[in-house]
């Protein structure tokens, strides 16, 4: 029974880690997109 419990714990830990990594990646993409939009907006304003 202990082996099964350990496997379940490992699976849960891996799932949590993957979820955290995905959330961080999404946050980074969102911030990067916002920064690009701001920079692009500033360039467009200067040109116009």
Foldseek 3Di string as FASTA:
>chain_A
DVVVVVVVVVVVVVVVVVVVVVVVVVVVVVVVVVVVVVVVVVVVVVVD
